[in-house]
Amino acid sequence: MANEDNTKLTTVKILKTVYSSFKKLSIDTEINLQKVVNRSLDLYIKDDGFRKKVDKYTDLQRSE
């Protein structure tokens, strides 16, 4: 994984209900929000199918 010199600190707003569900699911696993975000962004960049699926996903309210 990237070291601190190779990271970018950022702030995002996450829907409370989605984050609460994620926290419950992640209790029994080694996954954390940073891993999910980094892996998701990497897949979004590299995998056309994943990118199209994310782009078309409309089940959540819009966040700003």
C-alpha atoms as a PDB file:
ATOM      1  CA  MET A   1       0.000   0.000   0.000  1.00  0.00           C
ATOM      2  CA  ALA A   2       1.087   3.596  -0.454  1.00  0.00           C
ATOM      3  CA  ASN A   3       3.210   5.261   2.190  1.00  0.00           C
ATOM      4  CA  GLU A   4       2.425   8.666   3.702  1.00  0.00           C
ATOM      5  CA  ASP A   5       4.580  10.525   1.152  1.00  0.00           C
ATOM      6  CA  ASN A   6       2.417   9.068  -1.594  1.00  0.00           C
ATOM      7  CA  THR A   7      -0.991   9.964  -0.178  1.00  0.00           C
ATOM      8  CA  LYS A   8      -3.395  12.897  -0.475  1.00  0.00           C
ATOM      9  CA  LEU A   9      -5.436  13.996   2.513  1.00  0.00           C
ATOM     10  CA  THR A  10      -8.951  14.948   1.457  1.00  0.00           C
ATOM     11  CA  THR A  11     -12.373  15.423   2.980  1.00  0.00           C
ATOM     12  CA  VAL A  12     -15.588  13.959   1.650  1.00  0.00           C
ATOM     13  CA  LYS A  13     -19.117  13.931   2.960  1.00  0.00           C
ATOM     14  CA  ILE A  14     -20.617  10.471   3.269  1.00  0.00           C
ATOM     15  CA  LEU A  15     -24.297   9.719   3.693  1.00  0.00           C
ATOM     16  CA  LYS A  16     -24.913   8.762   7.333  1.00  0.00           C
ATOM     17  CA  THR A  17     -27.035   5.726   6.541  1.00  0.00           C
ATOM     18  CA  VAL A  18     -24.509   4.363   4.053  1.00  0.00           C
ATOM     19  CA  TYR A  19     -21.590   4.911   6.434  1.00  0.00           C
ATOM     20  CA  SER A  20     -23.476   3.317   9.322  1.00  0.00           C
ATOM     21  CA  SER A  21     -24.185   0.226   7.216  1.00  0.00           C
ATOM     22  CA  PHE A  22     -20.542   0.088   6.111  1.00  0.00           C
ATOM     23  CA  LYS A  23     -19.310   0.280   9.719  1.00  0.00           C
ATOM     24  CA  LYS A  24     -21.547  -2.621  10.708  1.00  0.00           C
ATOM     25  CA  LEU A  25     -20.314  -4.741   7.803  1.00  0.00           C
ATOM     26  CA  SER A  26     -16.655  -3.896   8.352  1.00  0.00           C
ATOM     27  CA  ILE A  27     -16.561  -4.944  12.028  1.00  0.00           C
ATOM     28  CA  ASP A  28     -15.826  -8.583  11.183  1.00  0.00           C
ATOM     29  CA  THR A  29     -13.392  -7.890   8.338  1.00  0.00           C
ATOM     30  CA  GLU A  30     -10.015  -6.285   7.731  1.00  0.00           C
ATOM     31  CA  ILE A  31     -11.581  -3.663   5.460  1.00  0.00           C
ATOM     32  CA  ASN A  32     -11.721  -0.002   6.429  1.00  0.00           C
ATOM     33  CA  LEU A  33     -12.954   3.118   4.679  1.00  0.00           C
ATOM     34  CA  GLN A  34      -9.516   4.068   3.375  1.00  0.00           C
ATOM     35  CA  LYS A  35      -9.062   0.643   1.763  1.00  0.00           C
ATOM     36  CA  VAL A  36     -12.542   0.769   0.205  1.00  0.00           C
ATOM     37  CA  VAL A  37     -11.982   4.254  -1.196  1.00  0.00           C
ATOM     38  CA  ASN A  38      -8.519   3.481  -2.601  1.00  0.00           C
ATOM     39  CA  ARG A  39      -9.628   0.185  -4.137  1.00  0.00           C
ATOM     40  CA  SER A  40     -12.802   1.714  -5.538  1.00  0.00           C
ATOM     41  CA  LEU A  41     -10.930   4.611  -7.123  1.00  0.00           C
ATOM     42  CA  ASP A  42      -8.382   2.209  -8.623  1.00  0.00           C
ATOM     43  CA  LEU A  43     -11.158   0.043 -10.061  1.00  0.00           C
ATOM     44  CA  TYR A  44     -12.965   3.139 -11.350  1.00  0.00           C
ATOM     45  CA  ILE A  45      -9.811   4.159 -13.222  1.00  0.00           C
ATOM     46  CA  LYS A  46      -8.864   0.705 -14.559  1.00  0.00           C
ATOM     47  CA  ASP A  47     -12.138  -1.188 -15.046  1.00  0.00           C
ATOM     48  CA  ASP A  48     -14.601   0.115 -17.644  1.00  0.00           C
ATOM     49  CA  GLY A  49     -17.364  -2.181 -16.389  1.00  0.00           C
ATOM     50  CA  PHE A  50     -16.972  -0.969 -12.818  1.00  0.00           C
ATOM     51  CA  ARG A  51     -16.863   2.666 -13.960  1.00  0.00           C
ATOM     52  CA  LYS A  52     -20.047   2.258 -16.011  1.00  0.00           C
ATOM     53  CA  LYS A  53     -21.791   0.533 -13.107  1.00  0.00           C
ATOM     54  CA  VAL A  54     -20.864   3.362 -10.718  1.00  0.00           C
ATOM     55  CA  ASP A  55     -21.783   6.056 -13.243  1.00  0.00           C
ATOM     56  CA  LYS A  56     -25.231   4.529 -13.759  1.00  0.00           C
ATOM     57  CA  TYR A  57     -25.937   3.809 -10.064  1.00  0.00           C
ATOM     58  CA  THR A  58     -28.848   5.955  -8.909  1.00  0.00           C
ATOM     59  CA  ASP A  59     -30.123   4.283  -5.728  1.00  0.00           C
ATOM     60  CA  LEU A  60     -28.689   6.949  -3.399  1.00  0.00           C
ATOM     61  CA  GLN A  61     -29.634  10.554  -2.882  1.00  0.00           C
ATOM     62  CA  ARG A  62     -27.239  13.006  -4.448  1.00  0.00           C
ATOM     63  CA  SER A  63     -24.457  14.278  -2.208  1.00  0.00           C
ATOM     64  CA  GLU A  64     -22.471  17.455  -2.713  1.00  0.00           C
END
